[in-house]
Protein backbone atom coordinates (compact mmCIF):
# COMPACT_ATOMS: atom_id res chain seq x y z
CA MET A 1 -74.36 -28.61 -39.06
CA PRO A 2 -74.44 -25.03 -37.75
CA LYS A 3 -71.17 -23.15 -37.39
CA SER A 4 -70.11 -22.38 -33.81
CA GLN A 5 -69.50 -18.85 -32.66
CA VAL A 6 -65.91 -17.57 -32.51
CA ARG A 7 -64.99 -16.32 -29.07
CA LYS A 8 -62.89 -13.21 -28.76
CA LYS A 9 -60.12 -13.39 -26.20
CA LYS A 10 -59.68 -10.53 -23.78
CA VAL A 11 -56.38 -8.65 -23.79
CA TYR A 12 -54.30 -9.64 -20.79
CA THR A 13 -53.37 -6.86 -18.39
CA PRO A 14 -51.12 -7.83 -15.48
CA PRO A 15 -52.17 -6.87 -11.96
CA THR A 16 -50.94 -3.52 -10.68
CA ASP A 17 -48.63 -5.05 -8.08
CA VAL A 18 -46.76 -6.99 -10.81
CA ARG A 19 -46.47 -4.21 -13.41
CA PRO A 20 -43.12 -2.45 -13.65
CA SER A 21 -43.31 1.06 -12.32
CA ALA A 22 -42.53 4.11 -14.38
CA ALA A 23 -39.41 4.76 -12.29
CA GLN A 24 -37.92 1.42 -13.28
CA ALA A 25 -38.72 1.97 -16.94
CA ALA A 26 -37.01 5.37 -16.95
CA LYS A 27 -33.69 4.36 -15.38
CA LYS A 28 -30.83 6.56 -16.44
CA PRO A 29 -27.68 5.16 -18.01
CA SER A 30 -24.54 4.97 -15.94
CA PRO A 31 -22.18 7.93 -15.77
CA ILE A 32 -19.10 7.76 -17.97
CA TRP A 33 -16.73 7.61 -14.99
CA LEU A 34 -18.06 4.25 -13.80
CA PRO A 35 -16.60 1.92 -16.46
CA ILE A 36 -13.42 3.99 -16.65
CA THR A 37 -12.90 3.71 -12.89
CA ALA A 38 -13.66 -0.02 -12.93
CA VAL A 39 -11.14 -0.74 -15.68
CA ALA A 40 -8.55 1.44 -13.93
CA MET A 41 -9.09 -0.53 -10.70
CA ILE A 42 -8.61 -3.82 -12.55
CA PHE A 43 -5.31 -2.64 -14.00
CA ALA A 44 -4.23 -1.18 -10.65
CA GLY A 45 -4.93 -4.50 -8.91
CA ILE A 46 -3.08 -6.51 -11.53
CA GLY A 47 -0.20 -4.03 -11.44
CA TRP A 48 -0.04 -4.21 -7.64
CA LEU A 49 0.18 -8.01 -7.74
CA VAL A 50 2.77 -8.05 -10.55
CA VAL A 51 5.01 -5.58 -8.70
CA TYR A 52 4.58 -7.60 -5.49
CA TYR A 53 5.65 -10.86 -7.11
CA LEU A 54 8.42 -9.45 -9.32
CA SER A 55 10.02 -7.60 -6.41
CA GLU A 56 10.00 -10.81 -4.35
CA THR A 57 7.58 -9.32 -1.77
CA ALA A 58 9.70 -6.18 -1.22
CA TYR A 59 7.35 -3.72 -2.92
CA PRO A 60 4.73 -2.01 -2.96
CA VAL A 61 4.63 -2.11 0.88
CA GLU A 62 7.07 -4.56 2.43
CA SER A 63 5.70 -4.33 5.97
CA TRP A 64 2.24 -5.49 4.85
CA GLY A 65 3.54 -8.88 3.79
CA TYR A 66 0.78 -11.04 2.34
CA TRP A 67 -1.78 -8.26 2.83
CA ASN A 68 -0.45 -6.90 -0.47
CA LEU A 69 -2.34 -9.80 -2.08
CA ALA A 70 -5.53 -8.66 -0.37
CA VAL A 71 -5.03 -5.15 -1.72
CA GLY A 72 -4.49 -6.39 -5.28
CA PHE A 73 -7.37 -8.84 -5.31
CA GLY A 74 -9.58 -6.45 -3.33
CA SER A 75 -9.10 -3.81 -6.00
CA MET A 76 -10.19 -6.25 -8.68
CA VAL A 77 -13.23 -7.38 -6.67
CA ALA A 78 -14.21 -3.75 -6.07
CA SER A 79 -14.05 -3.15 -9.82
CA LEU A 80 -16.39 -6.11 -10.40
CA ILE A 81 -18.83 -4.60 -7.90
CA LEU A 82 -18.67 -1.32 -9.80
CA LEU A 83 -19.24 -3.11 -13.10
CA SER A 84 -22.35 -4.80 -11.69
CA ARG A 85 -23.88 -1.30 -11.40
CA TRP A 86 -23.18 -0.50 -15.05
CA ARG A 87 -26.21 -0.16 -17.36
């Protein structure tokens, strides 16, 4: 029986609209201040909440009442948003 011919497969090249652009491939790393600021905001938020609870809602700002919780947790959420930008 005769041997069949071996077919050569073509090299796949994705369409131009799917290929990653050169700008995406050359993204710069994050500046050094970004993770430092994010970690500082986490500690500031935790510190704010600890002071609020240990002082029995008298400090950091007594007139804000429960909004002190929003400041503490908001600081930690803002740090998570910063950390999502970290490369």
